[in-house]
């Protein structure tokens, strides 16, 4: 079953954020703004720091767009801090890193690998009403591109702000959109 247009299920968890320390995050914190929730398998691994660093490099652009980024793994918030203290890539991360040692959030989003207790690489864009508008899940050997996630976030926001318009493939901010109608059928 697809999670698209469903509401994020309730959760509460501890997070670590550079400059802020430890704090609680819940599904209620996702409401009222756009959020990108990015699941990854584990701290102190190989592909994960490349992805989180790539997101860190684009974090200001996400914030300017009005999108808060949250990274989630089944590690604890303590492990997130230790990783940030020891990894040059993770030291760049300024967005919240949520610990999900019980796997509740990971299961809620359908990305838990039960036999390993780890998450698949899942990316979920959530609108201000708490509904999932984008869902992408990868095998753990395939890293994601923060630039492409940013492009998709811009497209989702554009569509939400411009009812009746849709963004075609490879759409980038400022490019033409489409207005679905009978006049377009068979002409694209």
Protein backbone atom coordinates (compact mmCIF):
# COMPACT_ATOMS: atom_id res chain seq x y z
CA UNK A 1 0.00 0.00 0.00
CA UNK A 2 1.32 3.42 -0.90
CA UNK A 3 1.98 6.02 1.77
CA UNK A 4 1.35 8.89 -0.68
CA UNK A 5 -1.26 11.34 0.68
CA UNK A 6 -1.46 9.50 4.02
CA UNK A 7 -0.89 11.35 7.28
CA UNK A 8 2.31 10.65 9.22
CA UNK A 9 1.54 8.31 12.11
CA UNK A 10 2.17 9.53 15.67
CA UNK A 11 5.69 9.21 17.09
CA UNK A 12 7.97 10.72 19.75
CA UNK A 13 11.73 10.32 19.71
CA UNK A 14 14.97 11.90 20.85
CA UNK A 15 17.11 13.79 18.35
CA UNK A 16 20.56 15.32 18.23
CA UNK A 17 21.30 18.54 16.40
CA UNK A 18 24.66 20.32 16.28
CA UNK A 19 24.46 23.53 18.28
CA UNK A 20 21.21 22.48 19.96
CA UNK A 21 22.09 19.19 21.64
CA UNK A 22 19.42 16.62 22.53
CA UNK A 23 15.68 17.29 22.28
CA UNK A 24 12.39 15.52 21.64
CA UNK A 25 10.79 15.42 18.20
CA UNK A 26 7.30 14.20 17.36
CA UNK A 27 4.99 13.98 14.36
CA UNK A 28 3.48 17.27 15.57
CA UNK A 29 6.81 19.01 14.88
CA UNK A 30 6.40 18.16 11.18
CA UNK A 31 3.15 20.10 10.89
CA UNK A 32 2.99 23.70 9.73
CA UNK A 33 5.99 23.44 7.41
CA UNK A 34 7.38 21.18 4.71
CA UNK A 35 9.62 18.40 6.01
CA UNK A 36 12.00 15.98 4.35
CA UNK A 37 12.47 12.83 6.45
CA UNK A 38 15.42 10.77 5.28
CA UNK A 39 15.97 7.27 6.65
CA UNK A 40 19.38 5.61 6.46
CA UNK A 41 20.63 2.24 7.76
CA UNK A 42 23.16 3.11 10.46
CA UNK A 43 25.73 5.48 11.90
CA UNK A 44 29.42 4.73 11.37
CA UNK A 45 28.85 3.14 7.95
CA UNK A 46 29.92 3.84 4.38
CA UNK A 47 27.25 5.22 2.01
CA UNK A 48 25.31 6.94 4.82
CA UNK A 49 27.88 9.66 5.57
CA UNK A 50 28.14 10.51 1.87
CA UNK A 51 24.37 11.05 1.71
CA UNK A 52 24.12 13.01 4.95
CA UNK A 53 27.05 15.22 3.92
CA UNK A 54 25.41 15.84 0.53
CA UNK A 55 22.22 16.87 2.37
CA UNK A 56 24.30 19.07 4.68
CA UNK A 57 25.75 20.82 1.63
CA UNK A 58 22.19 21.58 0.40
CA UNK A 59 20.63 22.24 3.83
CA UNK A 60 20.59 26.03 3.46
CA UNK A 61 18.75 25.70 0.15
CA UNK A 62 16.19 23.40 1.75
CA UNK A 63 15.72 25.89 4.60
CA UNK A 64 15.33 28.80 2.15
CA UNK A 65 12.62 26.75 0.44
CA UNK A 66 10.89 26.31 3.80
CA UNK A 67 11.75 22.61 4.13
CA UNK A 68 13.21 21.19 7.36
CA UNK A 69 15.37 18.10 6.95
CA UNK A 70 15.35 15.23 9.45
CA UNK A 71 17.67 12.23 9.25
CA UNK A 72 16.49 9.03 10.96
CA UNK A 73 18.18 5.74 11.76
CA UNK A 74 17.58 3.02 14.32
CA UNK A 75 20.64 4.22 16.24
CA UNK A 76 20.24 6.28 19.42
CA UNK A 77 20.59 10.05 19.62
CA UNK A 78 23.76 9.40 21.65
CA UNK A 79 25.25 7.49 18.73
CA UNK A 80 24.36 10.40 16.40
CA UNK A 81 26.31 12.78 18.64
CA UNK A 82 29.31 10.44 18.85
CA UNK A 83 29.29 10.13 15.05
CA UNK A 84 29.14 13.91 14.63
CA UNK A 85 32.05 14.24 17.06
CA UNK A 86 34.25 11.82 15.10
CA UNK A 87 33.34 12.09 11.40
CA UNK A 88 34.36 15.07 9.25
CA UNK A 89 31.37 14.42 6.96
CA UNK A 90 28.84 14.30 9.83
CA UNK A 91 30.34 17.38 11.51
CA UNK A 92 28.82 19.32 8.57
CA UNK A 93 25.28 18.14 9.45
CA UNK A 94 23.24 20.98 10.99
CA UNK A 95 19.78 19.42 10.64
CA UNK A 96 18.22 17.17 13.32
CA UNK A 97 19.25 13.53 13.47
CA UNK A 98 16.49 11.45 15.06
CA UNK A 99 17.24 8.27 17.00
CA UNK A 100 14.74 5.47 16.52
CA UNK A 101 16.13 2.55 18.56
CA UNK A 102 12.65 1.01 19.00
CA UNK A 103 12.05 1.12 15.23
CA UNK A 104 8.64 2.75 15.68
CA UNK A 105 9.21 5.57 13.18
CA UNK A 106 11.02 3.30 10.75
CA UNK A 107 8.09 0.84 10.79
CA UNK A 108 5.54 3.68 10.51
CA UNK A 109 7.17 4.71 7.22
CA UNK A 110 7.46 1.11 5.98
CA UNK A 111 11.26 1.03 5.67
CA UNK A 112 12.26 -1.38 8.46
CA UNK A 113 14.38 -4.40 7.55
CA UNK A 114 13.08 -6.57 10.39
CA UNK A 115 15.80 -9.24 10.32
CA UNK A 116 18.51 -6.56 10.55
CA UNK A 117 16.82 -3.94 12.73
CA UNK A 118 17.91 -1.30 10.20
CA UNK A 119 16.15 1.07 7.83
CA UNK A 120 16.18 1.03 4.06
CA UNK A 121 17.16 4.30 2.38
CA UNK A 122 13.79 6.03 2.37
CA UNK A 123 13.03 9.68 1.55
CA UNK A 124 9.66 11.20 2.43
CA UNK A 125 8.53 14.75 1.67
CA UNK A 126 5.73 15.83 4.00
CA UNK A 127 3.50 18.86 3.46
CA UNK A 128 2.51 21.32 6.23
CA UNK A 129 -0.69 19.34 6.88
CA UNK A 130 1.38 16.26 7.76
CA UNK A 131 0.67 14.32 4.56
CA UNK A 132 3.32 12.39 2.66
CA UNK A 133 3.66 13.85 -0.85
CA UNK A 134 6.79 12.08 -2.03
CA UNK A 135 8.12 8.65 -1.15
CA UNK A 136 11.27 7.09 -2.55
CA UNK A 137 12.85 3.93 -1.19
CA UNK A 138 16.22 2.55 -2.28
CA UNK A 139 18.19 -0.59 -1.69
CA UNK A 140 20.87 0.22 0.88
CA UNK A 141 23.66 -0.06 -1.70
CA UNK A 142 22.27 2.89 -3.70
CA UNK A 143 23.00 6.39 -2.41
CA UNK A 144 20.68 9.33 -2.98
CA UNK A 145 21.33 12.74 -4.53
CA UNK A 146 20.36 15.75 -2.37
CA UNK A 147 20.14 17.96 -5.47
CA UNK A 148 17.47 15.69 -6.95
CA UNK A 149 15.58 15.64 -3.63
CA UNK A 150 15.70 19.45 -3.62
CA UNK A 151 14.37 19.55 -7.20
CA UNK A 152 11.48 17.27 -6.22
CA UNK A 153 10.73 19.35 -3.11
CA UNK A 154 10.52 22.48 -5.30
CA UNK A 155 8.17 20.68 -7.69
CA UNK A 156 5.94 19.44 -4.85
CA UNK A 157 5.73 22.93 -3.35
CA UNK A 158 5.00 24.46 -6.75
CA UNK A 159 2.15 22.02 -7.42
CA UNK A 160 0.72 22.66 -3.93
CA UNK A 161 0.85 26.43 -4.46
CA UNK A 162 -0.51 26.34 -8.05
CA UNK A 163 -3.65 24.17 -8.19
CA UNK A 164 -4.38 22.91 -11.68
CA UNK A 165 -0.73 22.84 -12.72
CA UNK A 166 1.66 19.89 -12.79
CA UNK A 167 5.43 19.62 -13.25
CA UNK A 168 6.68 17.49 -16.14
CA UNK A 169 9.76 15.26 -16.09
CA UNK A 170 13.04 17.04 -15.32
CA UNK A 171 11.12 20.19 -14.32
CA UNK A 172 13.27 22.81 -12.62
CA UNK A 173 12.24 26.00 -10.90
CA UNK A 174 11.25 28.63 -13.47
CA UNK A 175 10.54 26.11 -16.24
CA UNK A 176 7.13 25.74 -17.84
CA UNK A 177 4.53 23.57 -16.18
CA UNK A 178 1.52 21.83 -17.67
CA UNK A 179 -2.20 22.46 -17.15
CA UNK A 180 -3.90 19.11 -17.70
CA UNK A 181 -6.91 19.40 -19.99
CA UNK A 182 -8.59 17.63 -22.88
CA UNK A 183 -6.65 19.94 -25.23
CA UNK A 184 -3.37 18.28 -24.18
CA UNK A 185 -4.51 14.68 -24.64
CA UNK A 186 -2.37 13.06 -27.34
CA UNK A 187 -0.35 16.25 -27.98
CA UNK A 188 2.55 15.67 -25.63
